[in-house]
Amino acid sequence: CALWDADAAVHRLYDKGGAAVAPMRTVFPTAVVDGIVNRAELKRII
């Protein structure tokens, strides 16, 4: 079977060059560290 993994997709989006990095930096500047969305910081913000 072909497999699409939602969690893996989010990791791709949060990684360096990922599509979520720039919009996330705009809304939550502290959540982006070294060009990567930091999940631990997101948890703290939430």
All heavy atoms as atom14 arrays in JSON, in Angstrom:
{
  "sequence": "CALWDADAAVHRLYDKGGAAVAPMRTVFPTAVVDGIVNRAELKRII",
  "atom14_mask": [
    [1, 1, 1, 1, 1, 1, 0, 0, 0, 0, 0, 0, 0, 0],
    [1, 1, 1, 1, 1, 0, 0, 0, 0, 0, 0, 0, 0, 0],
    [1, 1, 1, 1, 1, 1, 1, 1, 0, 0, 0, 0, 0, 0],
    [1, 1, 1, 1, 1, 1, 1, 1, 1, 1, 1, 1, 1, 1],
    [1, 1, 1, 1, 1, 1, 1, 1, 0, 0, 0, 0, 0, 0],
    [1, 1, 1, 1, 1, 0, 0, 0, 0, 0, 0, 0, 0, 0],
    [1, 1, 1, 1, 1, 1, 1, 1, 0, 0, 0, 0, 0, 0],
    [1, 1, 1, 1, 1, 0, 0, 0, 0, 0, 0, 0, 0, 0],
    [1, 1, 1, 1, 1, 0, 0, 0, 0, 0, 0, 0, 0, 0],
    [1, 1, 1, 1, 1, 1, 1, 0, 0, 0, 0, 0, 0, 0],
    [1, 1, 1, 1, 1, 1, 1, 1, 1, 1, 0, 0, 0, 0],
    [1, 1, 1, 1, 1, 1, 1, 1, 1, 1, 1, 0, 0, 0],
    [1, 1, 1, 1, 1, 1, 1, 1, 0, 0, 0, 0, 0, 0],
    [1, 1, 1, 1, 1, 1, 1, 1, 1, 1, 1, 1, 0, 0],
    [1, 1, 1, 1, 1, 1, 1, 1, 0, 0, 0, 0, 0, 0],
    [1, 1, 1, 1, 1, 1, 1, 1, 1, 0, 0, 0, 0, 0],
    [1, 1, 1, 1, 0, 0, 0, 0, 0, 0, 0, 0, 0, 0],
    [1, 1, 1, 1, 0, 0, 0, 0, 0, 0, 0, 0, 0, 0],
    [1, 1, 1, 1, 1, 0, 0, 0, 0, 0, 0, 0, 0, 0],
    [1, 1, 1, 1, 1, 0, 0, 0, 0, 0, 0, 0, 0, 0],
    [1, 1, 1, 1, 1, 1, 1, 0, 0, 0, 0, 0, 0, 0],
    [1, 1, 1, 1, 1, 0, 0, 0, 0, 0, 0, 0, 0, 0],
    [1, 1, 1, 1, 1, 1, 1, 0, 0, 0, 0, 0, 0, 0],
    [1, 1, 1, 1, 1, 1, 1, 1, 0, 0, 0, 0, 0, 0],
    [1, 1, 1, 1, 1, 1, 1, 1, 1, 1, 1, 0, 0, 0],
    [1, 1, 1, 1, 1, 1, 1, 0, 0, 0, 0, 0, 0, 0],
    [1, 1, 1, 1, 1, 1, 1, 0, 0, 0, 0, 0, 0, 0],
    [1, 1, 1, 1, 1, 1, 1, 1, 1, 1, 1, 0, 0, 0],
    [1, 1, 1, 1, 1, 1, 1, 0, 0, 0, 0, 0, 0, 0],
    [1, 1, 1, 1, 1, 1, 1, 0, 0, 0, 0, 0, 0, 0],
    [1, 1, 1, 1, 1, 0, 0, 0, 0, 0, 0, 0, 0, 0],
    [1, 1, 1, 1, 1, 1, 1, 0, 0, 0, 0, 0, 0, 0],
    [1, 1, 1, 1, 1, 1, 1, 0, 0, 0, 0, 0, 0, 0],
    [1, 1, 1, 1, 1, 1, 1, 1, 0, 0, 0, 0, 0, 0],
    [1, 1, 1, 1, 0, 0, 0, 0, 0, 0, 0, 0, 0, 0],
    [1, 1, 1, 1, 1, 1, 1, 1, 0, 0, 0, 0, 0, 0],
    [1, 1, 1, 1, 1, 1, 1, 0, 0, 0, 0, 0, 0, 0],
    [1, 1, 1, 1, 1, 1, 1, 1, 0, 0, 0, 0, 0, 0],
    [1, 1, 1, 1, 1, 1, 1, 1, 1, 1, 1, 0, 0, 0],
    [1, 1, 1, 1, 1, 0, 0, 0, 0, 0, 0, 0, 0, 0],
    [1, 1, 1, 1, 1, 1, 1, 1, 1, 0, 0, 0, 0, 0],
    [1, 1, 1, 1, 1, 1, 1, 1, 0, 0, 0, 0, 0, 0],
    [1, 1, 1, 1, 1, 1, 1, 1, 1, 0, 0, 0, 0, 0],
    [1, 1, 1, 1, 1, 1, 1, 1, 1, 1, 1, 0, 0, 0],
    [1, 1, 1, 1, 1, 1, 1, 1, 0, 0, 0, 0, 0, 0],
    [1, 1, 1, 1, 1, 1, 1, 1, 0, 0, 0, 0, 0, 0]
  ],
  "atom14_positions": [
    [[0.85, -1.2, 0.0], [0.0, 0.0, 0.0], [0.88, 1.25, 0.0], [1.94, 1.26, 0.62], [-0.89, 0.03, 1.25], [-1.99, -1.39, 1.41], [0.0, 0.0, 0.0], [0.0, 0.0, 0.0], [0.0, 0.0, 0.0], [0.0, 0.0, 0.0], [0.0, 0.0, 0.0], [0.0, 0.0, 0.0], [0.0, 0.0, 0.0], [0.0, 0.0, 0.0]],
    [[0.43, 2.29, -0.68], [1.1, 3.59, -0.57], [0.72, 4.18, 0.78], [-0.4, 3.99, 1.25], [0.66, 4.5, -1.7], [0.0, 0.0, 0.0], [0.0, 0.0, 0.0], [0.0, 0.0, 0.0], [0.0, 0.0, 0.0], [0.0, 0.0, 0.0], [0.0, 0.0, 0.0], [0.0, 0.0, 0.0], [0.0, 0.0, 0.0], [0.0, 0.0, 0.0]],
    [[1.64, 4.88, 1.42], [1.39, 5.38, 2.77], [1.69, 6.87, 2.86], [2.8, 7.31, 2.56], [2.26, 4.6, 3.76], [2.2, 5.04, 5.23], [0.81, 4.82, 5.82], [3.25, 4.27, 6.05], [0.0, 0.0, 0.0], [0.0, 0.0, 0.0], [0.0, 0.0, 0.0], [0.0, 0.0, 0.0], [0.0, 0.0, 0.0], [0.0, 0.0, 0.0]],
    [[0.67, 7.64, 3.25], [0.87, 9.06, 3.53], [0.68, 9.28, 5.03], [-0.34, 8.88, 5.59], [-0.13, 9.93, 2.74], [0.09, 11.39, 2.99], [1.01, 12.19, 2.39], [-0.63, 12.23, 3.9], [0.92, 13.47, 2.88], [-0.08, 13.53, 3.81], [-1.68, 12.02, 4.8], [-0.53, 14.6, 4.56], [-2.14, 13.08, 5.56], [-1.57, 14.36, 5.44]],
    [[1.7, 9.88, 5.65], [1.74, 10.03, 7.1], [1.59, 11.51, 7.46], [2.45, 12.32, 7.12], [3.08, 9.46, 7.6], [3.26, 9.54, 9.11], [2.66, 10.42, 9.75], [4.02, 8.71, 9.64], [0.0, 0.0, 0.0], [0.0, 0.0, 0.0], [0.0, 0.0, 0.0], [0.0, 0.0, 0.0], [0.0, 0.0, 0.0], [0.0, 0.0, 0.0]],
    [[0.5, 11.84, 8.14], [0.23, 13.25, 8.49], [1.32, 13.83, 9.38], [1.75, 14.97, 9.18], [-1.13, 13.36, 9.18], [0.0, 0.0, 0.0], [0.0, 0.0, 0.0], [0.0, 0.0, 0.0], [0.0, 0.0, 0.0], [0.0, 0.0, 0.0], [0.0, 0.0, 0.0], [0.0, 0.0, 0.0], [0.0, 0.0, 0.0], [0.0, 0.0, 0.0]],
    [[1.8, 13.05, 10.36], [2.85, 13.55, 11.26], [4.15, 13.82, 10.5], [4.83, 14.83, 10.74], [3.13, 12.56, 12.4], [2.04, 12.6, 13.47], [1.28, 13.6, 13.51], [1.94, 11.65, 14.27], [0.0, 0.0, 0.0], [0.0, 0.0, 0.0], [0.0, 0.0, 0.0], [0.0, 0.0, 0.0], [0.0, 0.0, 0.0], [0.0, 0.0, 0.0]],
    [[4.48, 12.92, 9.58], [5.69, 13.11, 8.77], [5.56, 14.35, 7.9], [6.53, 15.09, 7.69], [5.95, 11.87, 7.9], [0.0, 0.0, 0.0], [0.0, 0.0, 0.0], [0.0, 0.0, 0.0], [0.0, 0.0, 0.0], [0.0, 0.0, 0.0], [0.0, 0.0, 0.0], [0.0, 0.0, 0.0], [0.0, 0.0, 0.0], [0.0, 0.0, 0.0]],
    [[4.35, 14.6, 7.4], [4.1, 15.8, 6.59], [4.35, 17.06, 7.41], [5.0, 18.01, 6.95], [2.67, 15.8, 6.05], [0.0, 0.0, 0.0], [0.0, 0.0, 0.0], [0.0, 0.0, 0.0], [0.0, 0.0, 0.0], [0.0, 0.0, 0.0], [0.0, 0.0, 0.0], [0.0, 0.0, 0.0], [0.0, 0.0, 0.0], [0.0, 0.0, 0.0]],
    [[3.88, 17.05, 8.67], [4.1, 18.22, 9.54], [5.59, 18.41, 9.8], [6.09, 19.54, 9.76], [3.31, 18.07, 10.87], [3.68, 19.18, 11.84], [1.8, 18.09, 10.6], [0.0, 0.0, 0.0], [0.0, 0.0, 0.0], [0.0, 0.0, 0.0], [0.0, 0.0, 0.0], [0.0, 0.0, 0.0], [0.0, 0.0, 0.0], [0.0, 0.0, 0.0]],
    [[6.32, 17.31, 10.01], [7.78, 17.41, 10.21], [8.44, 18.05, 8.99], [9.32, 18.91, 9.14], [8.39, 16.03, 10.48], [8.26, 15.6, 11.9], [9.01, 16.15, 12.93], [7.45, 14.69, 12.49], [8.67, 15.59, 14.07], [7.72, 14.7, 13.84], [0.0, 0.0, 0.0], [0.0, 0.0, 0.0], [0.0, 0.0, 0.0], [0.0, 0.0, 0.0]],
    [[8.01, 17.65, 7.8], [8.57, 18.26, 6.57], [8.29, 19.76, 6.52], [9.14, 20.56, 6.16], [7.98, 17.59, 5.32], [8.51, 16.22, 5.01], [8.11, 15.76, 3.6], [6.69, 15.51, 3.45], [6.08, 14.38, 3.77], [6.76, 13.38, 4.29], [4.78, 14.21, 3.57], [0.0, 0.0, 0.0], [0.0, 0.0, 0.0], [0.0, 0.0, 0.0]],
    [[7.07, 20.13, 6.89], [6.67, 21.54, 6.85], [7.44, 22.38, 7.86], [7.7, 23.55, 7.63], [5.16, 21.66, 7.13], [4.23, 21.06, 6.08], [2.81, 21.02, 6.6], [4.29, 21.86, 4.78], [0.0, 0.0, 0.0], [0.0, 0.0, 0.0], [0.0, 0.0, 0.0], [0.0, 0.0, 0.0], [0.0, 0.0, 0.0], [0.0, 0.0, 0.0]],
    [[7.79, 21.76, 9.0], [8.49, 22.47, 10.08], [10.01, 22.5, 9.89], [10.7, 23.26, 10.54], [8.19, 21.8, 11.43], [6.83, 22.12, 12.01], [5.93, 22.95, 11.36], [6.42, 21.56, 13.23], [4.69, 23.23, 11.9], [5.17, 21.84, 13.78], [4.31, 22.68, 13.11], [3.08, 22.96, 13.65], [0.0, 0.0, 0.0], [0.0, 0.0, 0.0]],
    [[10.52, 21.64, 9.0], [11.96, 21.51, 8.83], [12.52, 22.7, 8.04], [11.76, 23.49, 7.47], [12.29, 20.2, 8.12], [13.63, 19.64, 8.56], [14.36, 20.34, 9.29], [13.96, 18.5, 8.18], [0.0, 0.0, 0.0], [0.0, 0.0, 0.0], [0.0, 0.0, 0.0], [0.0, 0.0, 0.0], [0.0, 0.0, 0.0], [0.0, 0.0, 0.0]],
    [[13.85, 22.8, 7.98], [14.51, 23.88, 7.24], [13.98, 23.93, 5.81], [13.94, 22.92, 5.13], [16.02, 23.62, 7.22], [16.81, 24.74, 7.83], [18.3, 24.56, 7.64], [19.06, 25.55, 8.47], [19.06, 25.36, 9.9], [0.0, 0.0, 0.0], [0.0, 0.0, 0.0], [0.0, 0.0, 0.0], [0.0, 0.0, 0.0], [0.0, 0.0, 0.0]],
    [[13.52, 25.1, 5.4], [12.98, 25.24, 4.05], [11.54, 24.78, 3.92], [10.96, 24.86, 2.83], [0.0, 0.0, 0.0], [0.0, 0.0, 0.0], [0.0, 0.0, 0.0], [0.0, 0.0, 0.0], [0.0, 0.0, 0.0], [0.0, 0.0, 0.0], [0.0, 0.0, 0.0], [0.0, 0.0, 0.0], [0.0, 0.0, 0.0], [0.0, 0.0, 0.0]],
    [[10.95, 24.31, 5.01], [9.57, 23.84, 4.98], [8.59, 24.99, 4.81], [8.86, 26.13, 5.21], [0.0, 0.0, 0.0], [0.0, 0.0, 0.0], [0.0, 0.0, 0.0], [0.0, 0.0, 0.0], [0.0, 0.0, 0.0], [0.0, 0.0, 0.0], [0.0, 0.0, 0.0], [0.0, 0.0, 0.0], [0.0, 0.0, 0.0], [0.0, 0.0, 0.0]],
    [[7.45, 24.68, 4.21], [6.46, 25.73, 3.87], [5.84, 26.41, 5.09], [5.28, 27.5, 4.97], [5.36, 25.12, 3.0], [0.0, 0.0, 0.0], [0.0, 0.0, 0.0], [0.0, 0.0, 0.0], [0.0, 0.0, 0.0], [0.0, 0.0, 0.0], [0.0, 0.0, 0.0], [0.0, 0.0, 0.0], [0.0, 0.0, 0.0], [0.0, 0.0, 0.0]],
    [[5.92, 25.77, 6.27], [5.3, 26.37, 7.45], [6.23, 27.33, 8.2], [5.79, 28.09, 9.07], [4.83, 25.27, 8.42], [0.0, 0.0, 0.0], [0.0, 0.0, 0.0], [0.0, 0.0, 0.0], [0.0, 0.0, 0.0], [0.0, 0.0, 0.0], [0.0, 0.0, 0.0], [0.0, 0.0, 0.0], [0.0, 0.0, 0.0], [0.0, 0.0, 0.0]],
    [[7.52, 27.29, 7.86], [8.51, 28.07, 8.64], [8.24, 29.57, 8.57], [8.13, 30.24, 9.61], [9.96, 27.74, 8.19], [10.96, 28.63, 8.95], [10.27, 26.26, 8.44], [0.0, 0.0, 0.0], [0.0, 0.0, 0.0], [0.0, 0.0, 0.0], [0.0, 0.0, 0.0], [0.0, 0.0, 0.0], [0.0, 0.0, 0.0], [0.0, 0.0, 0.0]],
    [[8.1, 30.12, 7.37], [7.9, 31.58, 7.22], [6.6, 32.06, 7.86], [6.61, 33.01, 8.65], [7.99, 31.98, 5.76], [0.0, 0.0, 0.0], [0.0, 0.0, 0.0], [0.0, 0.0, 0.0], [0.0, 0.0, 0.0], [0.0, 0.0, 0.0], [0.0, 0.0, 0.0], [0.0, 0.0, 0.0], [0.0, 0.0, 0.0], [0.0, 0.0, 0.0]],
    [[5.44, 31.42, 7.55], [4.21, 31.91, 8.19], [4.22, 31.75, 9.71], [3.67, 32.58, 10.43], [3.1, 31.04, 7.56], [3.78, 29.93, 6.85], [5.17, 30.36, 6.57], [0.0, 0.0, 0.0], [0.0, 0.0, 0.0], [0.0, 0.0, 0.0], [0.0, 0.0, 0.0], [0.0, 0.0, 0.0], [0.0, 0.0, 0.0], [0.0, 0.0, 0.0]],
    [[4.88, 30.7, 10.2], [4.96, 30.49, 11.65], [5.82, 31.57, 12.3], [5.5, 32.07, 13.37], [5.54, 29.11, 11.94], [5.12, 28.53, 13.25], [3.35, 28.17, 13.35], [3.35, 26.47, 12.93], [0.0, 0.0, 0.0], [0.0, 0.0, 0.0], [0.0, 0.0, 0.0], [0.0, 0.0, 0.0], [0.0, 0.0, 0.0], [0.0, 0.0, 0.0]],
    [[6.9, 31.95, 11.6], [7.8, 33.0, 12.13], [7.04, 34.33, 12.24], [7.23, 35.09, 13.17], [9.02, 33.16, 11.22], [10.06, 34.13, 11.79], [11.2, 34.4, 10.84], [12.16, 33.3, 10.79], [12.48, 32.63, 9.69], [11.91, 32.94, 8.53], [13.36, 31.66, 9.72], [0.0, 0.0, 0.0], [0.0, 0.0, 0.0], [0.0, 0.0, 0.0]],
    [[6.14, 34.58, 11.28], [5.36, 35.81, 11.29], [4.42, 35.87, 12.5], [4.3, 36.9, 13.16], [4.52, 35.92, 9.99], [5.43, 35.83, 8.89], [3.77, 37.22, 9.91], [0.0, 0.0, 0.0], [0.0, 0.0, 0.0], [0.0, 0.0, 0.0], [0.0, 0.0, 0.0], [0.0, 0.0, 0.0], [0.0, 0.0, 0.0], [0.0, 0.0, 0.0]],
    [[3.76, 34.75, 12.79], [2.76, 34.72, 13.86], [3.38, 34.45, 15.23], [2.98, 35.06, 16.23], [1.67, 33.65, 13.54], [0.58, 33.64, 14.61], [1.04, 33.92, 12.18], [0.0, 0.0, 0.0], [0.0, 0.0, 0.0], [0.0, 0.0, 0.0], [0.0, 0.0, 0.0], [0.0, 0.0, 0.0], [0.0, 0.0, 0.0], [0.0, 0.0, 0.0]],
    [[4.34, 33.54, 15.26], [5.01, 33.18, 16.53], [6.53, 33.24, 16.33], [7.16, 32.19, 16.12], [4.61, 31.76, 16.97], [3.13, 31.57, 17.15], [2.4, 30.83, 16.22], [2.45, 32.1, 18.24], [1.03, 30.65, 16.37], [1.09, 31.92, 18.4], [0.38, 31.19, 17.46], [0.0, 0.0, 0.0], [0.0, 0.0, 0.0], [0.0, 0.0, 0.0]],
    [[7.11, 34.44, 16.39], [8.55, 34.58, 16.09], [9.46, 33.68, 16.93], [10.45, 33.16, 16.42], [8.82, 36.07, 16.39], [7.49, 36.73, 16.32], [6.47, 35.71, 16.72], [0.0, 0.0, 0.0], [0.0, 0.0, 0.0], [0.0, 0.0, 0.0], [0.0, 0.0, 0.0], [0.0, 0.0, 0.0], [0.0, 0.0, 0.0], [0.0, 0.0, 0.0]],
    [[9.11, 33.46, 18.21], [9.99, 32.65, 19.07], [9.94, 31.17, 18.73], [10.78, 30.39, 19.18], [9.61, 32.81, 20.56], [8.26, 32.35, 20.74], [9.73, 34.25, 21.02], [0.0, 0.0, 0.0], [0.0, 0.0, 0.0], [0.0, 0.0, 0.0], [0.0, 0.0, 0.0], [0.0, 0.0, 0.0], [0.0, 0.0, 0.0], [0.0, 0.0, 0.0]],
    [[8.96, 30.76, 17.92], [8.8, 29.33, 17.61], [9.79, 28.84, 16.55], [9.98, 27.64, 16.38], [7.37, 29.04, 17.15], [0.0, 0.0, 0.0], [0.0, 0.0, 0.0], [0.0, 0.0, 0.0], [0.0, 0.0, 0.0], [0.0, 0.0, 0.0], [0.0, 0.0, 0.0], [0.0, 0.0, 0.0], [0.0, 0.0, 0.0], [0.0, 0.0, 0.0]],
    [[10.43, 29.78, 15.85], [11.38, 29.37, 14.8], [12.81, 29.6, 15.29], [13.2, 30.71, 15.64], [11.12, 30.13, 13.48], [12.16, 29.75, 12.43], [9.72, 29.85, 12.97], [0.0, 0.0, 0.0], [0.0, 0.0, 0.0], [0.0, 0.0, 0.0], [0.0, 0.0, 0.0], [0.0, 0.0, 0.0], [0.0, 0.0, 0.0], [0.0, 0.0, 0.0]],
    [[13.56, 28.49, 15.35], [14.96, 28.54, 15.82], [15.84, 27.93, 14.74], [15.61, 26.8, 14.31], [15.11, 27.74, 17.15], [16.55, 27.82, 17.64], [14.14, 28.25, 18.21], [0.0, 0.0, 0.0], [0.0, 0.0, 0.0], [0.0, 0.0, 0.0], [0.0, 0.0, 0.0], [0.0, 0.0, 0.0], [0.0, 0.0, 0.0], [0.0, 0.0, 0.0]],
    [[16.84, 28.71, 14.28], [17.75, 28.24, 13.22], [17.01, 27.75, 11.98], [17.37, 26.74, 11.37], [18.68, 27.13, 13.74], [19.58, 27.61, 14.87], [19.94, 28.8, 14.86], [19.9, 26.8, 15.75], [0.0, 0.0, 0.0], [0.0, 0.0, 0.0], [0.0, 0.0, 0.0], [0.0, 0.0, 0.0], [0.0, 0.0, 0.0], [0.0, 0.0, 0.0]],
    [[15.92, 28.44, 11.62], [15.19, 28.11, 10.4], [14.29, 26.88, 10.51], [13.77, 26.39, 9.51], [0.0, 0.0, 0.0], [0.0, 0.0, 0.0], [0.0, 0.0, 0.0], [0.0, 0.0, 0.0], [0.0, 0.0, 0.0], [0.0, 0.0, 0.0], [0.0, 0.0, 0.0], [0.0, 0.0, 0.0], [0.0, 0.0, 0.0], [0.0, 0.0, 0.0]],
    [[14.1, 26.38, 11.74], [13.26, 25.21, 11.96], [12.2, 25.56, 13.0], [12.49, 26.25, 13.98], [14.11, 24.01, 12.47], [15.12, 23.59, 11.39], [13.24, 22.83, 12.87], [16.18, 22.62, 11.86], [0.0, 0.0, 0.0], [0.0, 0.0, 0.0], [0.0, 0.0, 0.0], [0.0, 0.0, 0.0], [0.0, 0.0, 0.0], [0.0, 0.0, 0.0]],
    [[10.96, 25.1, 12.79], [9.91, 25.32, 13.78], [10.18, 24.39, 14.97], [10.27, 23.17, 14.81], [8.5, 25.06, 13.19], [7.44, 25.22, 14.28], [8.22, 26.01, 12.03], [0.0, 0.0, 0.0], [0.0, 0.0, 0.0], [0.0, 0.0, 0.0], [0.0, 0.0, 0.0], [0.0, 0.0, 0.0], [0.0, 0.0, 0.0], [0.0, 0.0, 0.0]],
    [[10.34, 24.99, 16.14], [10.67, 24.24, 17.35], [9.38, 23.77, 18.03], [8.61, 24.56, 18.54], [11.49, 25.16, 18.27], [11.96, 24.45, 19.52], [11.17, 23.83, 20.23], [13.25, 24.54, 19.77], [0.0, 0.0, 0.0], [0.0, 0.0, 0.0], [0.0, 0.0, 0.0], [0.0, 0.0, 0.0], [0.0, 0.0, 0.0], [0.0, 0.0, 0.0]],
    [[9.17, 22.45, 18.03], [7.93, 21.89, 18.57], [7.8, 22.12, 20.08], [6.7, 22.31, 20.57], [7.84, 20.39, 18.25], [7.53, 20.15, 16.79], [7.4, 18.68, 16.47], [6.6, 18.55, 15.24], [5.76, 17.58, 15.0], [5.57, 16.63, 15.85], [5.07, 17.54, 13.87], [0.0, 0.0, 0.0], [0.0, 0.0, 0.0], [0.0, 0.0, 0.0]],
    [[8.92, 22.07, 20.78], [8.88, 22.28, 22.24], [8.41, 23.71, 22.55], [7.61, 23.93, 23.46], [10.26, 22.02, 22.84], [0.0, 0.0, 0.0], [0.0, 0.0, 0.0], [0.0, 0.0, 0.0], [0.0, 0.0, 0.0], [0.0, 0.0, 0.0], [0.0, 0.0, 0.0], [0.0, 0.0, 0.0], [0.0, 0.0, 0.0], [0.0, 0.0, 0.0]],
    [[8.9, 24.67, 21.75], [8.48, 26.06, 21.93], [6.99, 26.22, 21.58], [6.26, 26.95, 22.26], [9.35, 26.98, 21.07], [8.98, 28.45, 21.1], [9.12, 29.14, 22.47], [9.7, 28.55, 23.4], [8.63, 30.27, 22.59], [0.0, 0.0, 0.0], [0.0, 0.0, 0.0], [0.0, 0.0, 0.0], [0.0, 0.0, 0.0], [0.0, 0.0, 0.0]],
    [[6.54, 25.52, 20.53], [5.12, 25.58, 20.17], [4.25, 25.06, 21.32], [3.22, 25.63, 21.64], [4.85, 24.74, 18.92], [5.07, 25.38, 17.56], [4.55, 24.46, 16.46], [4.45, 26.75, 17.44], [0.0, 0.0, 0.0], [0.0, 0.0, 0.0], [0.0, 0.0, 0.0], [0.0, 0.0, 0.0], [0.0, 0.0, 0.0], [0.0, 0.0, 0.0]],
    [[4.69, 23.95, 21.94], [3.95, 23.37, 23.08], [3.84, 24.4, 24.2], [2.8, 24.53, 24.84], [4.65, 22.11, 23.59], [4.28, 20.86, 22.82], [4.93, 19.63, 23.46], [4.74, 18.43, 22.57], [5.72, 17.37, 22.8], [0.0, 0.0, 0.0], [0.0, 0.0, 0.0], [0.0, 0.0, 0.0], [0.0, 0.0, 0.0], [0.0, 0.0, 0.0]],
    [[4.97, 25.1, 24.45], [4.98, 26.12, 25.52], [4.0, 27.25, 25.19], [3.23, 27.7, 26.05], [6.41, 26.67, 25.7], [6.59, 27.56, 26.93], [7.91, 28.29, 26.9], [7.98, 29.26, 25.81], [7.33, 30.43, 25.78], [6.51, 30.77, 26.75], [7.48, 31.25, 24.75], [0.0, 0.0, 0.0], [0.0, 0.0, 0.0], [0.0, 0.0, 0.0]],
    [[4.0, 27.68, 23.93], [3.11, 28.76, 23.49], [1.65, 28.33, 23.65], [0.82, 29.08, 24.15], [3.42, 29.15, 22.01], [4.8, 29.84, 21.92], [2.33, 30.05, 21.45], [5.33, 29.99, 20.5], [0.0, 0.0, 0.0], [0.0, 0.0, 0.0], [0.0, 0.0, 0.0], [0.0, 0.0, 0.0], [0.0, 0.0, 0.0], [0.0, 0.0, 0.0]],
    [[1.35, 27.1, 23.22], [-0.02, 26.58, 23.32], [-0.48, 26.51, 24.78], [-1.62, 26.84, 25.1], [-0.13, 25.19, 22.64], [0.02, 25.34, 21.12], [-1.45, 24.5, 22.97], [0.29, 24.05, 20.37], [0.0, 0.0, 0.0], [0.0, 0.0, 0.0], [0.0, 0.0, 0.0], [0.0, 0.0, 0.0], [0.0, 0.0, 0.0], [0.0, 0.0, 0.0]]
  ]
}
